Amino acid sequence: MSGSVERPAARTGLSSVLFVCGMNAIRSPMAEAIARSLLPPGVYVTSAGVRLGERDPFVDAVLAEQGLDLGHKRPQRLDDLEDSYFDLIVTMAPEAHHAVLDATGTESVEVEFWPMPDPSVATGSRDQIMGSYREVRDRIAARIRERLLAP
C-alpha cells in the first residue's frame, strides 16, 4: 500500500499500555509518543504521572528530531485517568512504581519497572542538556522495541 508504514506486531495479547513517571512531563510522554509510533494502531497507549507536571519543551524538541510529537497532550495525573484497566503498566521512576503498585493492589495487571534517568537535572549548554534528553529518548525506544514488539 503506497504511503503506509508497516509496523511490527505487538507482543501477543497486548491491547493497552500505560507509561507512568513522576509528573508526566518527560519520560512517560516520550514513551507514549514512541510506543504510538511503533505499536500497531489497535494498541491503546497513554501516559500519566504521580503528580501533575508542566509540559517540557526539551521533550517536544527531541521527539521532533524523530518526526514525533505529543500533539495537544498535556500532563495528567494517574488518579485522573478515565481508563483504569491496562494489560501492562510501565513505571519509569521509583516514585511512580510504588504509586502504581499501591493503586493496583490485587488487580490482575502486569507492572514493570523500567528505571530511566531524569534528564531535567542535566546542566551545561543547551546542546549538553539536549544530549541528556536524547539519551533517555533512545533508551526508551530501545526498551519498547525489545519488550513490546513481537520478535
C-alpha atoms as a PDB file:
ATOM      1  CA  MET A   1       0.000   0.000   0.000  1.00  0.00           C
ATOM      2  CA  SER A   2       1.576   3.273  -1.058  1.00  0.00           C
ATOM      3  CA  GLY A   3       2.285   5.815   1.683  1.00  0.00           C
ATOM      4  CA  SER A   4       1.605   3.477   4.571  1.00  0.00           C
ATOM      5  CA  VAL A   5       4.162   2.487   7.151  1.00  0.00           C
ATOM      6  CA  GLU A   6       4.475  -1.203   8.006  1.00  0.00           C
ATOM      7  CA  ARG A   7       4.533  -1.590  11.790  1.00  0.00           C
ATOM      8  CA  PRO A   8       5.684  -4.713  13.565  1.00  0.00           C
ATOM      9  CA  ALA A   9       3.130  -6.600  15.612  1.00  0.00           C
ATOM     10  CA  ALA A  10       2.830  -6.109  19.347  1.00  0.00           C
ATOM     11  CA  ARG A  11       3.528  -8.997  21.704  1.00  0.00           C
ATOM     12  CA  THR A  12       0.622 -11.412  21.794  1.00  0.00           C
ATOM     13  CA  GLY A  13      -2.365 -10.244  23.810  1.00  0.00           C
ATOM     14  CA  LEU A  14      -1.153  -6.694  24.365  1.00  0.00           C
ATOM     15  CA  SER A  15      -4.034  -4.282  23.779  1.00  0.00           C
ATOM     16  CA  SER A  16      -3.270  -1.429  26.205  1.00  0.00           C
ATOM     17  CA  VAL A  17      -0.164   0.082  27.786  1.00  0.00           C
ATOM     18  CA  LEU A  18       0.210   2.821  30.386  1.00  0.00           C
ATOM     19  CA  PHE A  19       3.535   4.580  30.999  1.00  0.00           C
ATOM     20  CA  VAL A  20       3.933   6.319  34.367  1.00  0.00           C
ATOM     21  CA  CYS A  21       6.614   8.648  35.724  1.00  0.00           C
ATOM     22  CA  GLY A  22       6.744  11.326  38.398  1.00  0.00           C
ATOM     23  CA  MET A  23       4.974  14.255  36.694  1.00  0.00           C
ATOM     24  CA  ASN A  24       4.048  13.001  33.193  1.00  0.00           C
ATOM     25  CA  ALA A  25       6.296  15.687  31.786  1.00  0.00           C
ATOM     26  CA  ILE A  26       9.355  13.893  30.359  1.00  0.00           C
ATOM     27  CA  ARG A  27       9.827  10.131  30.436  1.00  0.00           C
ATOM     28  CA  SER A  28       6.262   8.826  30.253  1.00  0.00           C
ATOM     29  CA  PRO A  29       5.085  11.199  27.485  1.00  0.00           C
ATOM     30  CA  MET A  30       8.226  10.340  25.497  1.00  0.00           C
ATOM     31  CA  ALA A  31       7.410   6.651  25.933  1.00  0.00           C
ATOM     32  CA  GLU A  32       3.800   7.246  24.905  1.00  0.00           C
ATOM     33  CA  ALA A  33       4.783   9.051  21.686  1.00  0.00           C
ATOM     34  CA  ILE A  34       7.417   6.456  20.793  1.00  0.00           C
ATOM     35  CA  ALA A  35       5.135   3.498  21.557  1.00  0.00           C
ATOM     36  CA  ARG A  36       2.318   5.012  19.494  1.00  0.00           C
ATOM     37  CA  SER A  37       4.696   5.263  16.545  1.00  0.00           C
ATOM     38  CA  LEU A  38       5.926   1.667  16.859  1.00  0.00           C
ATOM     39  CA  LEU A  39       2.960  -0.382  18.060  1.00  0.00           C
ATOM     40  CA  PRO A  40       0.014  -1.339  15.864  1.00  0.00           C
ATOM     41  CA  PRO A  41      -2.799   1.251  15.781  1.00  0.00           C
ATOM     42  CA  GLY A  42      -5.129  -1.086  17.715  1.00  0.00           C
ATOM     43  CA  VAL A  43      -2.969  -0.931  20.859  1.00  0.00           C
ATOM     44  CA  TYR A  44      -4.179   1.767  23.263  1.00  0.00           C
ATOM     45  CA  VAL A  45      -1.230   3.738  24.661  1.00  0.00           C
ATOM     46  CA  THR A  46      -1.303   6.575  27.180  1.00  0.00           C
ATOM     47  CA  SER A  47       0.773   8.065  29.981  1.00  0.00           C
ATOM     48  CA  ALA A  48       0.337   9.682  33.376  1.00  0.00           C
ATOM     49  CA  GLY A  49       2.265  10.954  36.360  1.00  0.00           C
ATOM     50  CA  VAL A  50       2.009  10.535  40.094  1.00  0.00           C
ATOM     51  CA  ARG A  51       1.874  14.334  40.380  1.00  0.00           C
ATOM     52  CA  LEU A  52       0.875  16.928  37.811  1.00  0.00           C
ATOM     53  CA  GLY A  53       3.772  18.499  35.955  1.00  0.00           C
ATOM     54  CA  GLU A  54       4.271  21.012  33.172  1.00  0.00           C
ATOM     55  CA  ARG A  55       4.976  20.095  29.566  1.00  0.00           C
ATOM     56  CA  ASP A  56       8.728  20.156  28.941  1.00  0.00           C
ATOM     57  CA  PRO A  57       9.870  21.916  25.724  1.00  0.00           C
ATOM     58  CA  PHE A  58      13.003  19.735  25.515  1.00  0.00           C
ATOM     59  CA  VAL A  59      10.728  16.687  25.166  1.00  0.00           C
ATOM     60  CA  ASP A  60       8.994  18.303  22.197  1.00  0.00           C
ATOM     61  CA  ALA A  61      12.381  19.127  20.646  1.00  0.00           C
ATOM     62  CA  VAL A  62      13.885  15.617  20.915  1.00  0.00           C
ATOM     63  CA  LEU A  63      10.678  13.957  19.755  1.00  0.00           C
ATOM     64  CA  ALA A  64      10.529  16.295  16.742  1.00  0.00           C
ATOM     65  CA  GLU A  65      14.029  15.120  15.765  1.00  0.00           C
ATOM     66  CA  GLN A  66      12.452  11.673  15.258  1.00  0.00           C
ATOM     67  CA  GLY A  67       9.360  13.006  13.470  1.00  0.00           C
ATOM     68  CA  LEU A  68       7.209  12.502  16.593  1.00  0.00           C
ATOM     69  CA  ASP A  69       5.075  14.864  18.616  1.00  0.00           C
ATOM     70  CA  LEU A  70       2.709  14.938  21.560  1.00  0.00           C
ATOM     71  CA  GLY A  71       0.069  16.986  19.760  1.00  0.00           C
ATOM     72  CA  HIS A  72      -2.069  18.906  22.234  1.00  0.00           C
ATOM     73  CA  LYS A  73      -1.499  16.388  25.032  1.00  0.00           C
ATOM     74  CA  ARG A  74      -0.992  17.893  28.458  1.00  0.00           C
ATOM     75  CA  PRO A  75       0.435  16.155  31.536  1.00  0.00           C
ATOM     76  CA  GLN A  76      -2.156  14.214  33.517  1.00  0.00           C
ATOM     77  CA  ARG A  77      -2.163  12.509  36.893  1.00  0.00           C
ATOM     78  CA  LEU A  78      -2.567   8.782  37.412  1.00  0.00           C
ATOM     79  CA  ASP A  79      -5.636   9.496  39.567  1.00  0.00           C
ATOM     80  CA  ASP A  80      -7.274  11.430  36.705  1.00  0.00           C
ATOM     81  CA  LEU A  81      -7.177   8.672  34.086  1.00  0.00           C
ATOM     82  CA  GLU A  82     -10.568   7.789  32.615  1.00  0.00           C
ATOM     83  CA  ASP A  83      -9.480   4.223  31.843  1.00  0.00           C
ATOM     84  CA  SER A  84      -8.264   2.175  34.770  1.00  0.00           C
ATOM     85  CA  TYR A  85      -7.510  -1.196  33.182  1.00  0.00           C
ATOM     86  CA  PHE A  86      -4.329  -1.843  31.228  1.00  0.00           C
ATOM     87  CA  ASP A  87      -2.628  -5.034  30.077  1.00  0.00           C
ATOM     88  CA  LEU A  88       0.726  -3.559  31.021  1.00  0.00           C
ATOM     89  CA  ILE A  89       1.773  -0.627  33.191  1.00  0.00           C
ATOM     90  CA  VAL A  90       5.357   0.514  32.783  1.00  0.00           C
ATOM     91  CA  THR A  91       6.786   2.686  35.547  1.00  0.00           C
ATOM     92  CA  MET A  92       9.863   4.790  34.869  1.00  0.00           C
ATOM     93  CA  ALA A  93      10.720   6.259  38.282  1.00  0.00           C
ATOM     94  CA  PRO A  94      10.765   4.720  41.788  1.00  0.00           C
ATOM     95  CA  GLU A  95       8.005   7.059  42.994  1.00  0.00           C
ATOM     96  CA  ALA A  96       5.796   6.001  40.082  1.00  0.00           C
ATOM     97  CA  HIS A  97       6.497   2.326  40.658  1.00  0.00           C
ATOM     98  CA  HIS A  98       5.455   2.470  44.315  1.00  0.00           C
ATOM     99  CA  ALA A  99       2.327   4.506  43.489  1.00  0.00           C
ATOM    100  CA  VAL A 100       1.247   2.046  40.775  1.00  0.00           C
ATOM    101  CA  LEU A 101       1.833  -0.983  42.994  1.00  0.00           C
ATOM    102  CA  ASP A 102      -0.252   0.659  45.736  1.00  0.00           C
ATOM    103  CA  ALA A 103      -3.009   1.621  43.275  1.00  0.00           C
ATOM    104  CA  THR A 104      -3.253  -1.744  41.531  1.00  0.00           C
ATOM    105  CA  GLY A 105      -3.161  -3.839  44.702  1.00  0.00           C
ATOM    106  CA  THR A 106      -4.659  -7.219  43.882  1.00  0.00           C
ATOM    107  CA  GLU A 107      -5.699  -6.349  40.307  1.00  0.00           C
ATOM    108  CA  SER A 108      -4.538  -8.696  37.596  1.00  0.00           C
ATOM    109  CA  VAL A 109      -2.236  -6.340  35.726  1.00  0.00           C
ATOM    110  CA  GLU A 110       1.386  -6.690  34.747  1.00  0.00           C
ATOM    111  CA  VAL A 111       3.577  -3.909  36.186  1.00  0.00           C
ATOM    112  CA  GLU A 112       7.157  -3.480  35.007  1.00  0.00           C
ATOM    113  CA  PHE A 113       9.778  -1.064  36.299  1.00  0.00           C
ATOM    114  CA  TRP A 114      11.959   0.446  33.578  1.00  0.00           C
ATOM    115  CA  PRO A 115      14.190   2.849  35.523  1.00  0.00           C
ATOM    116  CA  MET A 116      15.104   5.849  33.398  1.00  0.00           C
ATOM    117  CA  PRO A 117      17.261   8.794  34.427  1.00  0.00           C
ATOM    118  CA  ASP A 118      15.646  12.211  34.796  1.00  0.00           C
ATOM    119  CA  PRO A 119      17.233  14.397  32.102  1.00  0.00           C
ATOM    120  CA  SER A 120      15.828  17.587  33.664  1.00  0.00           C
ATOM    121  CA  VAL A 121      18.697  17.513  36.187  1.00  0.00           C
ATOM    122  CA  ALA A 122      21.258  17.914  33.373  1.00  0.00           C
ATOM    123  CA  THR A 123      23.309  21.088  33.406  1.00  0.00           C
ATOM    124  CA  GLY A 124      25.552  22.797  30.899  1.00  0.00           C
ATOM    125  CA  SER A 125      24.909  24.181  27.450  1.00  0.00           C
ATOM    126  CA  ARG A 126      21.665  23.671  25.545  1.00  0.00           C
ATOM    127  CA  ASP A 127      23.434  21.024  23.454  1.00  0.00           C
ATOM    128  CA  GLN A 128      24.545  19.140  26.582  1.00  0.00           C
ATOM    129  CA  ILE A 129      21.028  19.239  28.025  1.00  0.00           C
ATOM    130  CA  MET A 130      19.546  18.114  24.705  1.00  0.00           C
ATOM    131  CA  GLY A 131      22.061  15.260  24.722  1.00  0.00           C
ATOM    132  CA  SER A 132      20.673  14.060  28.068  1.00  0.00           C
ATOM    133  CA  TYR A 133      17.124  14.130  26.709  1.00  0.00           C
ATOM    134  CA  ARG A 134      18.192  12.305  23.532  1.00  0.00           C
ATOM    135  CA  GLU A 135      19.859   9.592  25.593  1.00  0.00           C
ATOM    136  CA  VAL A 136      16.649   8.983  27.564  1.00  0.00           C
ATOM    137  CA  ARG A 137      14.556   9.049  24.366  1.00  0.00           C
ATOM    138  CA  ASP A 138      16.820   6.483  22.738  1.00  0.00           C
ATOM    139  CA  ARG A 139      16.868   4.227  25.825  1.00  0.00           C
ATOM    140  CA  ILE A 140      13.072   4.291  25.972  1.00  0.00           C
ATOM    141  CA  ALA A 141      12.775   3.486  22.250  1.00  0.00           C
ATOM    142  CA  ALA A 142      15.196   0.563  22.574  1.00  0.00           C
ATOM    143  CA  ARG A 143      13.310  -0.832  25.570  1.00  0.00           C
ATOM    144  CA  ILE A 144       9.953  -0.553  23.772  1.00  0.00           C
ATOM    145  CA  ARG A 145      11.354  -2.365  20.732  1.00  0.00           C
ATOM    146  CA  GLU A 146      12.912  -5.067  22.926  1.00  0.00           C
ATOM    147  CA  ARG A 147       9.949  -5.665  25.212  1.00  0.00           C
ATOM    148  CA  LEU A 148       6.773  -4.686  23.350  1.00  0.00           C
ATOM    149  CA  LEU A 149       7.366  -5.689  19.747  1.00  0.00           C
ATOM    150  CA  ALA A 150       6.990  -9.267  18.575  1.00  0.00           C
ATOM    151  CA  PRO A 151      10.304 -10.936  17.707  1.00  0.00           C
END
